[in-house]
PDB file of N, CA and C in Angstrom:
ATOM      1  N   MET A   1      42.247 -47.914 -37.450  1.00  0.00           N
ATOM      2  CA  MET A   1      43.295 -48.377 -38.693  1.00  0.00           C
ATOM      3  C   MET A   1      42.889 -49.055 -39.710  1.00  0.00           C
ATOM      4  N   ARG A   2      41.529 -49.865 -39.233  1.00  0.00           N
ATOM      5  CA  ARG A   2      40.863 -50.808 -40.093  1.00  0.00           C
ATOM      6  C   ARG A   2      40.182 -49.994 -41.200  1.00  0.00           C
ATOM      7  N   LYS A   3      39.905 -48.619 -40.783  1.00  0.00           N
ATOM      8  CA  LYS A   3      39.270 -47.662 -42.159  1.00  0.00           C
ATOM      9  C   LYS A   3      40.406 -47.595 -43.149  1.00  0.00           C
ATOM     10  N   TYR A   4      41.522 -47.013 -42.551  1.00  0.00           N
ATOM     11  CA  TYR A   4      42.704 -46.829 -43.417  1.00  0.00           C
ATOM     12  C   TYR A   4      43.071 -47.670 -44.397  1.00  0.00           C
ATOM     13  N   ILE A   5      43.198 -48.982 -43.861  1.00  0.00           N
ATOM     14  CA  ILE A   5      43.196 -50.494 -44.929  1.00  0.00           C
ATOM     15  C   ILE A   5      42.315 -50.633 -45.926  1.00  0.00           C
ATOM     16  N   ASP A   6      40.950 -50.448 -45.020  1.00  0.00           N
ATOM     17  CA  ASP A   6      39.984 -50.410 -46.371  1.00  0.00           C
ATOM     18  C   ASP A   6      39.804 -49.401 -47.340  1.00  0.00           C
ATOM     19  N   SER A   7      40.201 -48.141 -47.061  1.00  0.00           N
ATOM     20  CA  SER A   7      40.487 -47.041 -48.024  1.00  0.00           C
ATOM     21  C   SER A   7      41.654 -47.511 -48.941  1.00  0.00           C
ATOM     22  N   PHE A   8      42.573 -47.930 -48.727  1.00  0.00           N
ATOM     23  CA  PHE A   8      43.506 -48.431 -49.674  1.00  0.00           C
ATOM     24  C   PHE A   8      42.942 -49.746 -50.741  1.00  0.00           C
ATOM     25  N   ARG A   9      42.092 -50.468 -50.282  1.00  0.00           N
ATOM     26  CA  ARG A   9      41.506 -51.313 -50.657  1.00  0.00           C
ATOM     27  C   ARG A   9      40.779 -51.184 -51.782  1.00  0.00           C
ATOM     28  N   TYR A  10      39.642 -50.053 -50.869  1.00  0.00           N
ATOM     29  CA  TYR A  10      38.901 -49.855 -52.220  1.00  0.00           C
ATOM     30  C   TYR A  10      39.269 -49.140 -53.191  1.00  0.00           C
ATOM     31  N   ALA A  11      40.626 -48.162 -53.227  1.00  0.00           N
ATOM     32  CA  ALA A  11      41.242 -47.574 -53.756  1.00  0.00           C
ATOM     33  C   ALA A  11      41.942 -48.607 -55.220  1.00  0.00           C
ATOM     34  N   LEU A  12      42.567 -49.624 -54.745  1.00  0.00           N
ATOM     35  CA  LEU A  12      43.089 -50.674 -55.277  1.00  0.00           C
ATOM     36  C   LEU A  12      42.249 -51.448 -56.310  1.00  0.00           C
ATOM     37  N   GLU A  13      41.085 -51.523 -55.807  1.00  0.00           N
ATOM     38  CA  GLU A  13      39.700 -52.140 -56.341  1.00  0.00           C
ATOM     39  C   GLU A  13      39.373 -51.145 -57.695  1.00  0.00           C
ATOM     40  N   GLY A  14      39.617 -49.698 -57.229  1.00  0.00           N
ATOM     41  CA  GLY A  14      39.523 -49.204 -58.570  1.00  0.00           C
ATOM     42  C   GLY A  14      40.475 -49.239 -59.391  1.00  0.00           C
ATOM     43  N   ILE A  15      41.265 -49.167 -59.071  1.00  0.00           N
ATOM     44  CA  ILE A  15      42.702 -49.150 -60.321  1.00  0.00           C
ATOM     45  C   ILE A  15      42.504 -50.703 -61.044  1.00  0.00           C
ATOM     46  N   VAL A  16      42.196 -51.728 -60.418  1.00  0.00           N
ATOM     47  CA  VAL A  16      41.957 -53.087 -60.784  1.00  0.00           C
ATOM     48  C   VAL A  16      40.911 -52.814 -61.799  1.00  0.00           C
ATOM     49  N   HIS A  17      39.943 -52.297 -61.433  1.00  0.00           N
ATOM     50  CA  HIS A  17      38.481 -52.136 -62.061  1.00  0.00           C
ATOM     51  C   HIS A  17      38.629 -51.447 -63.431  1.00  0.00           C
ATOM     52  N   GLY A  18      39.679 -50.239 -63.303  1.00  0.00           N
ATOM     53  CA  GLY A  18      39.586 -49.090 -64.545  1.00  0.00           C
ATOM     54  C   GLY A  18      40.520 -50.094 -65.557  1.00  0.00           C
ATOM     55  N   MET A  19      41.588 -50.864 -65.090  1.00  0.00           N
ATOM     56  CA  MET A  19      42.421 -51.431 -65.672  1.00  0.00           C
ATOM     57  C   MET A  19      41.521 -52.933 -66.753  1.00  0.00           C
ATOM     58  N   LYS A  20      40.422 -53.347 -66.193  1.00  0.00           N
ATOM     59  CA  LYS A  20      40.051 -54.418 -66.608  1.00  0.00           C
ATOM     60  C   LYS A  20      38.903 -53.595 -67.590  1.00  0.00           C
ATOM     61  N   THR A  21      38.256 -52.511 -67.262  1.00  0.00           N
ATOM     62  CA  THR A  21      37.253 -51.609 -68.117  1.00  0.00           C
ATOM     63  C   THR A  21      37.519 -50.915 -69.022  1.00  0.00           C
ATOM     64  N   GLU A  22      38.678 -50.351 -68.962  1.00  0.00           N
ATOM     65  CA  GLU A  22      39.123 -48.858 -69.753  1.00  0.00           C
ATOM     66  C   GLU A  22      40.274 -49.242 -70.374  1.00  0.00           C
ATOM     67  N   LYS A  23      40.021 -49.462 -72.141  1.00  0.00           N
ATOM     68  CA  LYS A  23      40.896 -49.829 -72.961  1.00  0.00           C
ATOM     69  C   LYS A  23      41.894 -48.446 -73.123  1.00  0.00           C
ATOM     70  N   HIS A  24      41.742 -47.085 -72.518  1.00  0.00           N
ATOM     71  CA  HIS A  24      42.603 -45.872 -72.814  1.00  0.00           C
ATOM     72  C   HIS A  24      43.534 -46.497 -71.593  1.00  0.00           C
ATOM     73  N   LEU A  25      43.103 -46.632 -70.484  1.00  0.00           N
ATOM     74  CA  LEU A  25      44.194 -47.046 -69.428  1.00  0.00           C
ATOM     75  C   LEU A  25      45.008 -48.380 -69.710  1.00  0.00           C
ATOM     76  N   ARG A  26      44.655 -49.028 -70.582  1.00  0.00           N
ATOM     77  CA  ARG A  26      45.173 -50.322 -70.530  1.00  0.00           C
ATOM     78  C   ARG A  26      46.392 -49.747 -71.793  1.00  0.00           C
ATOM     79  N   PHE A  27      45.758 -48.947 -72.627  1.00  0.00           N
ATOM     80  CA  PHE A  27      46.553 -48.445 -73.546  1.00  0.00           C
ATOM     81  C   PHE A  27      47.846 -47.675 -72.901  1.00  0.00           C
ATOM     82  N   HIS A  28      47.685 -46.662 -71.990  1.00  0.00           N
ATOM     83  CA  HIS A  28      48.569 -45.934 -71.284  1.00  0.00           C
ATOM     84  C   HIS A  28      49.626 -46.954 -70.486  1.00  0.00           C
ATOM     85  N   LEU A  29      49.217 -47.928 -69.878  1.00  0.00           N
ATOM     86  CA  LEU A  29      49.991 -49.005 -69.319  1.00  0.00           C
ATOM     87  C   LEU A  29      50.993 -49.743 -69.976  1.00  0.00           C
ATOM     88  N   PHE A  30      50.411 -50.274 -71.379  1.00  0.00           N
ATOM     89  CA  PHE A  30      51.648 -50.345 -72.364  1.00  0.00           C
ATOM     90  C   PHE A  30      52.556 -49.554 -72.658  1.00  0.00           C
ATOM     91  N   SER A  31      51.882 -48.387 -72.852  1.00  0.00           N
ATOM     92  CA  SER A  31      52.614 -47.204 -73.136  1.00  0.00           C
ATOM     93  C   SER A  31      53.973 -46.624 -72.130  1.00  0.00           C
ATOM     94  N   ALA A  32      53.591 -46.891 -70.654  1.00  0.00           N
ATOM     95  CA  ALA A  32      54.489 -46.787 -69.602  1.00  0.00           C
ATOM     96  C   ALA A  32      55.318 -47.777 -69.391  1.00  0.00           C
ATOM     97  N   ILE A  33      55.184 -48.966 -69.960  1.00  0.00           N
ATOM     98  CA  ILE A  33      55.769 -50.033 -70.196  1.00  0.00           C
ATOM     99  C   ILE A  33      57.047 -49.922 -70.943  1.00  0.00           C
ATOM    100  N   ILE A  34      56.550 -49.526 -72.450  1.00  0.00           N
ATOM    101  CA  ILE A  34      57.806 -48.970 -73.181  1.00  0.00           C
ATOM    102  C   ILE A  34      58.438 -47.482 -73.177  1.00  0.00           C
ATOM    103  N   VAL A  35      57.765 -46.879 -72.057  1.00  0.00           N
ATOM    104  CA  VAL A  35      58.616 -45.944 -71.692  1.00  0.00           C
ATOM    105  C   VAL A  35      59.797 -45.813 -71.083  1.00  0.00           C
ATOM    106  N   ILE A  36      59.447 -46.943 -69.849  1.00  0.00           N
ATOM    107  CA  ILE A  36      60.017 -47.271 -68.901  1.00  0.00           C
ATOM    108  C   ILE A  36      61.174 -47.994 -69.114  1.00  0.00           C
ATOM    109  N   GLY A  37      61.060 -48.765 -70.411  1.00  0.00           N
ATOM    110  CA  GLY A  37      62.048 -49.557 -70.583  1.00  0.00           C
ATOM    111  C   GLY A  37      62.994 -48.629 -71.381  1.00  0.00           C
ATOM    112  N   LEU A  38      62.525 -48.054 -72.293  1.00  0.00           N
ATOM    113  CA  LEU A  38      63.536 -46.714 -73.015  1.00  0.00           C
ATOM    114  C   LEU A  38      64.044 -45.859 -71.909  1.00  0.00           C
ATOM    115  N   SER A  39      63.521 -45.571 -70.809  1.00  0.00           N
ATOM    116  CA  SER A  39      63.988 -45.123 -70.019  1.00  0.00           C
ATOM    117  C   SER A  39      65.097 -45.777 -69.175  1.00  0.00           C
ATOM    118  N   MET A  40      65.173 -46.941 -69.230  1.00  0.00           N
ATOM    119  CA  MET A  40      66.383 -48.103 -68.804  1.00  0.00           C
ATOM    120  C   MET A  40      67.280 -48.311 -69.896  1.00  0.00           C
ATOM    121  N   TRP A  41      66.932 -48.079 -71.132  1.00  0.00           N
ATOM    122  CA  TRP A  41      67.816 -48.258 -72.183  1.00  0.00           C
ATOM    123  C   TRP A  41      68.664 -46.839 -72.424  1.00  0.00           C
ATOM    124  N   THR A  42      68.286 -45.799 -72.070  1.00  0.00           N
ATOM    125  CA  THR A  42      68.603 -44.627 -72.236  1.00  0.00           C
ATOM    126  C   THR A  42      69.662 -44.095 -71.101  1.00  0.00           C
ATOM    127  N   GLY A  43      69.160 -44.406 -70.024  1.00  0.00           N
ATOM    128  CA  GLY A  43      69.922 -43.943 -68.928  1.00  0.00           C
ATOM    129  C   GLY A  43      69.737 -42.745 -68.412  1.00  0.00           C
ATOM    130  N   LEU A  44      68.760 -42.696 -67.904  1.00  0.00           N
ATOM    131  CA  LEU A  44      68.093 -41.606 -67.451  1.00  0.00           C
ATOM    132  C   LEU A  44      68.828 -40.993 -66.097  1.00  0.00           C
ATOM    133  N   SER A  45      68.833 -39.566 -65.473  1.00  0.00           N
ATOM    134  CA  SER A  45      69.387 -39.055 -64.314  1.00  0.00           C
ATOM    135  C   SER A  45      68.207 -39.548 -63.438  1.00  0.00           C
ATOM    136  N   GLN A  46      68.488 -39.415 -62.702  1.00  0.00           N
ATOM    137  CA  GLN A  46      67.453 -39.243 -61.200  1.00  0.00           C
ATOM    138  C   GLN A  46      66.634 -38.658 -61.256  1.00  0.00           C
ATOM    139  N   THR A  47      66.940 -37.168 -61.949  1.00  0.00           N
ATOM    140  CA  THR A  47      66.017 -36.195 -62.115  1.00  0.00           C
ATOM    141  C   THR A  47      64.734 -36.475 -63.150  1.00  0.00           C
ATOM    142  N   GLU A  48      65.276 -37.015 -64.114  1.00  0.00           N
ATOM    143  CA  GLU A  48      64.808 -37.242 -65.284  1.00  0.00           C
ATOM    144  C   GLU A  48      63.723 -38.586 -65.175  1.00  0.00           C
ATOM    145  N   TRP A  49      64.198 -39.298 -64.277  1.00  0.00           N
ATOM    146  CA  TRP A  49      63.474 -40.170 -63.829  1.00  0.00           C
ATOM    147  C   TRP A  49      62.000 -40.126 -63.123  1.00  0.00           C
ATOM    148  N   PHE A  50      62.423 -39.116 -62.097  1.00  0.00           N
ATOM    149  CA  PHE A  50      61.466 -38.439 -61.387  1.00  0.00           C
ATOM    150  C   PHE A  50      60.037 -37.905 -62.142  1.00  0.00           C
ATOM    151  N   ILE A  51      60.917 -37.145 -63.350  1.00  0.00           N
ATOM    152  CA  ILE A  51      59.835 -36.392 -64.163  1.00  0.00           C
ATOM    153  C   ILE A  51      59.096 -37.531 -64.754  1.00  0.00           C
ATOM    154  N   VAL A  52      59.837 -38.372 -65.561  1.00  0.00           N
ATOM    155  CA  VAL A  52      59.174 -39.596 -66.388  1.00  0.00           C
ATOM    156  C   VAL A  52      57.926 -40.126 -65.469  1.00  0.00           C
ATOM    157  N   LEU A  53      58.191 -40.630 -64.083  1.00  0.00           N
ATOM    158  CA  LEU A  53      57.493 -41.563 -63.153  1.00  0.00           C
ATOM    159  C   LEU A  53      56.209 -40.554 -63.086  1.00  0.00           C
ATOM    160  N   LEU A  54      56.705 -39.237 -62.504  1.00  0.00           N
ATOM    161  CA  LEU A  54      55.517 -38.421 -62.359  1.00  0.00           C
ATOM    162  C   LEU A  54      54.685 -38.092 -63.379  1.00  0.00           C
ATOM    163  N   LEU A  55      55.018 -38.034 -64.312  1.00  0.00           N
ATOM    164  CA  LEU A  55      54.115 -38.021 -65.772  1.00  0.00           C
ATOM    165  C   LEU A  55      53.353 -39.389 -66.050  1.00  0.00           C
ATOM    166  N   ILE A  56      54.047 -40.466 -65.771  1.00  0.00           N
ATOM    167  CA  ILE A  56      53.182 -41.505 -66.286  1.00  0.00           C
ATOM    168  C   ILE A  56      52.378 -41.929 -64.734  1.00  0.00           C
ATOM    169  N   GLY A  57      52.504 -41.583 -63.565  1.00  0.00           N
ATOM    170  CA  GLY A  57      51.499 -41.432 -62.477  1.00  0.00           C
ATOM    171  C   GLY A  57      50.331 -40.580 -62.788  1.00  0.00           C
ATOM    172  N   GLY A  58      50.942 -39.376 -63.177  1.00  0.00           N
ATOM    173  CA  GLY A  58      49.539 -37.974 -63.715  1.00  0.00           C
ATOM    174  C   GLY A  58      48.943 -38.873 -64.629  1.00  0.00           C
ATOM    175  N   MET A  59      49.142 -39.466 -65.797  1.00  0.00           N
ATOM    176  CA  MET A  59      48.411 -39.719 -66.680  1.00  0.00           C
ATOM    177  C   MET A  59      47.637 -40.865 -66.333  1.00  0.00           C
ATOM    178  N   PHE A  60      48.227 -41.898 -65.599  1.00  0.00           N
ATOM    179  CA  PHE A  60      46.862 -43.027 -64.950  1.00  0.00           C
ATOM    180  C   PHE A  60      46.122 -42.227 -63.783  1.00  0.00           C
ATOM    181  N   ALA A  61      46.424 -40.870 -62.982  1.00  0.00           N
ATOM    182  CA  ALA A  61      45.095 -40.139 -62.308  1.00  0.00           C
ATOM    183  C   ALA A  61      44.586 -39.674 -63.246  1.00  0.00           C
ATOM    184  N   PHE A  62      44.879 -38.984 -64.184  1.00  0.00           N
ATOM    185  CA  PHE A  62      43.954 -38.207 -64.733  1.00  0.00           C
ATOM    186  C   PHE A  62      43.151 -39.396 -65.609  1.00  0.00           C
ATOM    187  N   GLU A  63      43.250 -40.386 -66.436  1.00  0.00           N
ATOM    188  CA  GLU A  63      42.588 -41.516 -66.877  1.00  0.00           C
ATOM    189  C   GLU A  63      41.662 -41.967 -65.945  1.00  0.00           C
ATOM    190  N   LEU A  64      41.966 -42.398 -64.574  1.00  0.00           N
ATOM    191  CA  LEU A  64      41.004 -42.803 -63.677  1.00  0.00           C
ATOM    192  C   LEU A  64      39.626 -41.701 -63.417  1.00  0.00           C
ATOM    193  N   MET A  65      40.028 -40.456 -63.166  1.00  0.00           N
ATOM    194  CA  MET A  65      39.427 -39.443 -63.133  1.00  0.00           C
ATOM    195  C   MET A  65      38.554 -39.355 -64.060  1.00  0.00           C
ATOM    196  N   ASN A  66      38.939 -39.095 -65.421  1.00  0.00           N
ATOM    197  CA  ASN A  66      38.205 -39.681 -66.536  1.00  0.00           C
ATOM    198  C   ASN A  66      36.710 -40.439 -66.735  1.00  0.00           C
ATOM    199  N   ALA A  67      37.258 -41.301 -66.289  1.00  0.00           N
ATOM    200  CA  ALA A  67      36.213 -42.495 -66.225  1.00  0.00           C
ATOM    201  C   ALA A  67      35.527 -42.513 -64.903  1.00  0.00           C
ATOM    202  N   ALA A  68      35.668 -41.731 -63.906  1.00  0.00           N
ATOM    203  CA  ALA A  68      34.710 -41.604 -62.738  1.00  0.00           C
ATOM    204  C   ALA A  68      33.763 -40.574 -63.238  1.00  0.00           C
ATOM    205  N   VAL A  69      34.305 -39.549 -64.103  1.00  0.00           N
ATOM    206  CA  VAL A  69      33.684 -38.526 -64.501  1.00  0.00           C
ATOM    207  C   VAL A  69      32.305 -39.102 -65.583  1.00  0.00           C
ATOM    208  N   GLU A  70      33.144 -39.790 -66.265  1.00  0.00           N
ATOM    209  CA  GLU A  70      31.771 -40.582 -67.421  1.00  0.00           C
ATOM    210  C   GLU A  70      30.852 -41.305 -66.619  1.00  0.00           C
ATOM    211  N   ARG A  71      31.279 -42.455 -65.409  1.00  0.00           N
ATOM    212  CA  ARG A  71      30.400 -43.062 -64.840  1.00  0.00           C
ATOM    213  C   ARG A  71      29.400 -42.144 -63.944  1.00  0.00           C
ATOM    214  N   VAL A  72      29.815 -41.191 -63.238  1.00  0.00           N
ATOM    215  CA  VAL A  72      29.229 -40.507 -62.381  1.00  0.00           C
ATOM    216  C   VAL A  72      27.993 -39.580 -63.425  1.00  0.00           C
ATOM    217  N   VAL A  73      28.156 -39.002 -64.642  1.00  0.00           N
ATOM    218  CA  VAL A  73      27.209 -38.423 -65.753  1.00  0.00           C
ATOM    219  C   VAL A  73      26.586 -39.869 -65.940  1.00  0.00           C
ATOM    220  N   ASP A  74      26.945 -40.806 -66.254  1.00  0.00           N
ATOM    221  CA  ASP A  74      25.708 -42.162 -66.596  1.00  0.00           C
ATOM    222  C   ASP A  74      25.241 -42.504 -65.766  1.00  0.00           C
ATOM    223  N   LEU A  75      25.459 -42.269 -64.351  1.00  0.00           N
ATOM    224  CA  LEU A  75      24.662 -42.705 -63.374  1.00  0.00           C
ATOM    225  C   LEU A  75      23.633 -41.663 -63.318  1.00  0.00           C
ATOM    226  N   VAL A  76      23.537 -40.305 -63.526  1.00  0.00           N
ATOM    227  CA  VAL A  76      22.861 -39.121 -63.126  1.00  0.00           C
ATOM    228  C   VAL A  76      22.034 -38.837 -64.325  1.00  0.00           C
ATOM    229  N   THR A  77      22.110 -39.295 -65.736  1.00  0.00           N
ATOM    230  CA  THR A  77      21.414 -39.129 -66.697  1.00  0.00           C
ATOM    231  C   THR A  77      21.346 -40.471 -67.902  1.00  0.00           C
ATOM    232  N   THR A  78      20.470 -41.229 -68.201  1.00  0.00           N
ATOM    233  CA  THR A  78      21.019 -41.858 -69.511  1.00  0.00           C
ATOM    234  C   THR A  78      20.264 -41.109 -70.599  1.00  0.00           C
ATOM    235  N   ASP A  79      19.286 -40.109 -70.524  1.00  0.00           N
ATOM    236  CA  ASP A  79      18.748 -39.312 -71.599  1.00  0.00           C
ATOM    237  C   ASP A  79      19.869 -38.528 -72.319  1.00  0.00           C
ATOM    238  N   TYR A  80      20.067 -37.756 -73.585  1.00  0.00           N
ATOM    239  CA  TYR A  80      21.486 -36.951 -73.894  1.00  0.00           C
ATOM    240  C   TYR A  80      21.055 -35.519 -73.020  1.00  0.00           C
ATOM    241  N   ALA A  81      21.862 -35.215 -72.585  1.00  0.00           N
ATOM    242  CA  ALA A  81      22.011 -34.036 -71.966  1.00  0.00           C
ATOM    243  C   ALA A  81      23.322 -32.844 -72.421  1.00  0.00           C
ATOM    244  N   LEU A  82      23.050 -31.954 -72.855  1.00  0.00           N
ATOM    245  CA  LEU A  82      24.448 -30.826 -73.259  1.00  0.00           C
ATOM    246  C   LEU A  82      24.924 -31.044 -72.089  1.00  0.00           C
ATOM    247  N   LEU A  83      24.521 -30.517 -70.934  1.00  0.00           N
ATOM    248  CA  LEU A  83      25.841 -30.518 -69.671  1.00  0.00           C
ATOM    249  C   LEU A  83      26.583 -31.709 -69.616  1.00  0.00           C
ATOM    250  N   ALA A  84      25.792 -33.131 -69.616  1.00  0.00           N
ATOM    251  CA  ALA A  84      26.358 -34.270 -69.446  1.00  0.00           C
ATOM    252  C   ALA A  84      27.642 -34.307 -70.401  1.00  0.00           C
ATOM    253  N   LYS A  85      27.273 -34.596 -71.497  1.00  0.00           N
ATOM    254  CA  LYS A  85      28.117 -34.520 -72.751  1.00  0.00           C
ATOM    255  C   LYS A  85      29.503 -33.393 -72.355  1.00  0.00           C
ATOM    256  N   GLN A  86      29.309 -32.005 -72.063  1.00  0.00           N
ATOM    257  CA  GLN A  86      30.245 -31.120 -71.859  1.00  0.00           C
ATOM    258  C   GLN A  86      31.257 -31.471 -70.612  1.00  0.00           C
ATOM    259  N   ALA A  87      30.437 -32.171 -69.494  1.00  0.00           N
ATOM    260  CA  ALA A  87      31.093 -32.580 -68.604  1.00  0.00           C
ATOM    261  C   ALA A  87      32.124 -33.747 -69.493  1.00  0.00           C
ATOM    262  N   LYS A  88      31.798 -34.649 -69.845  1.00  0.00           N
ATOM    263  CA  LYS A  88      32.523 -36.060 -70.536  1.00  0.00           C
ATOM    264  C   LYS A  88      33.437 -35.501 -71.389  1.00  0.00           C
ATOM    265  N   ASP A  89      33.433 -34.541 -72.009  1.00  0.00           N
ATOM    266  CA  ASP A  89      34.103 -33.878 -72.854  1.00  0.00           C
ATOM    267  C   ASP A  89      35.247 -32.980 -72.272  1.00  0.00           C
ATOM    268  N   LEU A  90      35.207 -32.355 -71.498  1.00  0.00           N
ATOM    269  CA  LEU A  90      36.056 -31.618 -70.561  1.00  0.00           C
ATOM    270  C   LEU A  90      36.874 -32.535 -69.708  1.00  0.00           C
ATOM    271  N   ALA A  91      36.528 -33.558 -69.305  1.00  0.00           N
ATOM    272  CA  ALA A  91      37.521 -34.643 -68.468  1.00  0.00           C
ATOM    273  C   ALA A  91      38.028 -35.125 -69.524  1.00  0.00           C
ATOM    274  N   ALA A  92      37.550 -35.880 -70.814  1.00  0.00           N
ATOM    275  CA  ALA A  92      38.467 -36.030 -71.380  1.00  0.00           C
ATOM    276  C   ALA A  92      39.483 -35.090 -72.523  1.00  0.00           C
ATOM    277  N   GLY A  93      39.119 -34.112 -72.229  1.00  0.00           N
ATOM    278  CA  GLY A  93      39.857 -33.055 -72.628  1.00  0.00           C
ATOM    279  C   GLY A  93      40.911 -33.058 -71.921  1.00  0.00           C
ATOM    280  N   ALA A  94      40.881 -32.887 -70.730  1.00  0.00           N
ATOM    281  CA  ALA A  94      42.067 -32.719 -69.505  1.00  0.00           C
ATOM    282  C   ALA A  94      43.082 -34.032 -69.831  1.00  0.00           C
ATOM    283  N   VAL A  95      42.639 -35.211 -70.405  1.00  0.00           N
ATOM    284  CA  VAL A  95      43.309 -36.204 -70.458  1.00  0.00           C
ATOM    285  C   VAL A  95      44.173 -35.762 -71.567  1.00  0.00           C
ATOM    286  N   LEU A  96      43.574 -35.558 -72.967  1.00  0.00           N
ATOM    287  CA  LEU A  96      44.641 -34.972 -73.839  1.00  0.00           C
ATOM    288  C   LEU A  96      45.395 -34.241 -73.757  1.00  0.00           C
ATOM    289  N   VAL A  97      45.358 -33.040 -72.772  1.00  0.00           N
ATOM    290  CA  VAL A  97      46.075 -31.829 -72.884  1.00  0.00           C
ATOM    291  C   VAL A  97      47.198 -32.215 -71.757  1.00  0.00           C
ATOM    292  N   TYR A  98      46.790 -33.422 -71.025  1.00  0.00           N
ATOM    293  CA  TYR A  98      47.829 -34.189 -70.060  1.00  0.00           C
ATOM    294  C   TYR A  98      49.045 -34.847 -70.650  1.00  0.00           C
ATOM    295  N   ALA A  99      48.463 -35.618 -72.134  1.00  0.00           N
ATOM    296  CA  ALA A  99      49.104 -36.639 -72.636  1.00  0.00           C
ATOM    297  C   ALA A  99      49.800 -36.038 -73.917  1.00  0.00           C
ATOM    298  N   PHE A 100      49.277 -34.687 -74.227  1.00  0.00           N
ATOM    299  CA  PHE A 100      50.005 -34.079 -75.267  1.00  0.00           C
ATOM    300  C   PHE A 100      51.407 -33.345 -74.512  1.00  0.00           C
ATOM    301  N   VAL A 101      51.105 -32.930 -73.434  1.00  0.00           N
ATOM    302  CA  VAL A 101      52.157 -32.381 -72.308  1.00  0.00           C
ATOM    303  C   VAL A 101      53.152 -33.466 -72.123  1.00  0.00           C
ATOM    304  N   SER A 102      52.768 -34.335 -71.941  1.00  0.00           N
ATOM    305  CA  SER A 102      53.758 -35.499 -71.602  1.00  0.00           C
ATOM    306  C   SER A 102      54.821 -36.097 -72.481  1.00  0.00           C
ATOM    307  N   ALA A 103      53.952 -36.059 -73.635  1.00  0.00           N
ATOM    308  CA  ALA A 103      54.704 -36.419 -74.825  1.00  0.00           C
ATOM    309  C   ALA A 103      56.003 -35.654 -75.378  1.00  0.00           C
ATOM    310  N   CYS A 104      55.409 -34.148 -75.215  1.00  0.00           N
ATOM    311  CA  CYS A 104      56.473 -32.778 -75.457  1.00  0.00           C
ATOM    312  C   CYS A 104      57.598 -33.066 -74.323  1.00  0.00           C
ATOM    313  N   ILE A 105      57.486 -33.075 -73.119  1.00  0.00           N
ATOM    314  CA  ILE A 105      58.001 -33.312 -72.315  1.00  0.00           C
ATOM    315  C   ILE A 105      59.361 -34.731 -72.350  1.00  0.00           C
ATOM    316  N   GLY A 106      58.472 -35.945 -72.899  1.00  0.00           N
ATOM    317  CA  GLY A 106      59.248 -36.754 -72.873  1.00  0.00           C
ATOM    318  C   GLY A 106      59.938 -36.762 -74.141  1.00  0.00           C
ATOM    319  N   LEU A 107      59.862 -36.282 -75.440  1.00  0.00           N
ATOM    320  CA  LEU A 107      60.472 -35.492 -76.098  1.00  0.00           C
ATOM    321  C   LEU A 107      61.657 -34.971 -75.947  1.00  0.00           C
ATOM    322  N   ILE A 108      61.401 -33.879 -75.152  1.00  0.00           N
ATOM    323  CA  ILE A 108      62.678 -32.881 -74.549  1.00  0.00           C
ATOM    324  C   ILE A 108      63.620 -33.826 -73.865  1.00  0.00           C
ATOM    325  N   ILE A 109      63.328 -34.993 -72.991  1.00  0.00           N
ATOM    326  CA  ILE A 109      63.964 -35.923 -72.211  1.00  0.00           C
ATOM    327  C   ILE A 109      64.995 -36.527 -73.081  1.00  0.00           C
ATOM    328  N   PHE A 110      64.246 -37.066 -73.896  1.00  0.00           N
ATOM    329  CA  PHE A 110      65.196 -38.087 -74.781  1.00  0.00           C
ATOM    330  C   PHE A 110      65.600 -37.997 -76.285  1.00  0.00           C
ATOM    331  N   ILE A 111      64.916 -37.151 -76.819  1.00  0.00           N
ATOM    332  CA  ILE A 111      65.521 -36.737 -77.882  1.00  0.00           C
ATOM    333  C   ILE A 111      67.241 -36.410 -78.240  1.00  0.00           C
ATOM    334  N   PRO A 112      67.521 -35.261 -76.938  1.00  0.00           N
ATOM    335  CA  PRO A 112      69.013 -34.870 -76.993  1.00  0.00           C
ATOM    336  C   PRO A 112      69.830 -36.107 -76.813  1.00  0.00           C
ATOM    337  N   LYS A 113      69.223 -36.769 -75.936  1.00  0.00           N
ATOM    338  CA  LYS A 113      69.994 -38.088 -75.178  1.00  0.00           C
ATOM    339  C   LYS A 113      70.548 -39.286 -76.660  1.00  0.00           C
ATOM    340  N   TRP A 114      69.409 -39.061 -77.422  1.00  0.00           N
ATOM    341  CA  TRP A 114      69.489 -40.176 -78.293  1.00  0.00           C
ATOM    342  C   TRP A 114      70.045 -39.602 -79.986  1.00  0.00           C
ATOM    343  N   TRP A 115      70.180 -38.357 -79.468  1.00  0.00           N
ATOM    344  CA  TRP A 115      71.146 -38.004 -80.843  1.00  0.00           C
ATOM    345  C   TRP A 115      72.771 -37.380 -80.635  1.00  0.00           C
ATOM    346  N   ARG A 116      72.623 -37.825 -79.140  1.00  0.00           N
ATOM    347  CA  ARG A 116      74.388 -38.043 -78.948  1.00  0.00           C
ATOM    348  C   ARG A 116      75.426 -38.799 -79.383  1.00  0.00           C
TER     349      ARG A 116
END
C-alpha cells in the first residue's frame, strides 16, 4: 500500500513542480480558471461540462509531458543536436495541436449559447 501512496505523492510533486517552473502551465491554469468561470456563467449541460473538463485535463497532461520531454533531452545532451531539437519541437507541437483543437471545441460549445 505504501508503494501506491508514494506513487501519488511523486505525481503530485511533479504537478506542483510544473506549476512552479513552467510558465505555460501557469498560463493554462489561468485559462482554465477563466473557462470554468465562463462555463458556470453560461450554464453548460452535463455533457458539455464533461467535454470542457476533459479538454482542460488533457491540456495539463500534454503540458506536463512536454516539460518532461524537455528535461530528458536536456539531461541527455547539453550540446546542440538536431534530434534533441526535433524531440522538443515535436512535444511542443503536440501541445499546440491540442490547444488549437481545444479552442475550436470550446468555441463550438460556447458561441451558440452566447448568441441565443
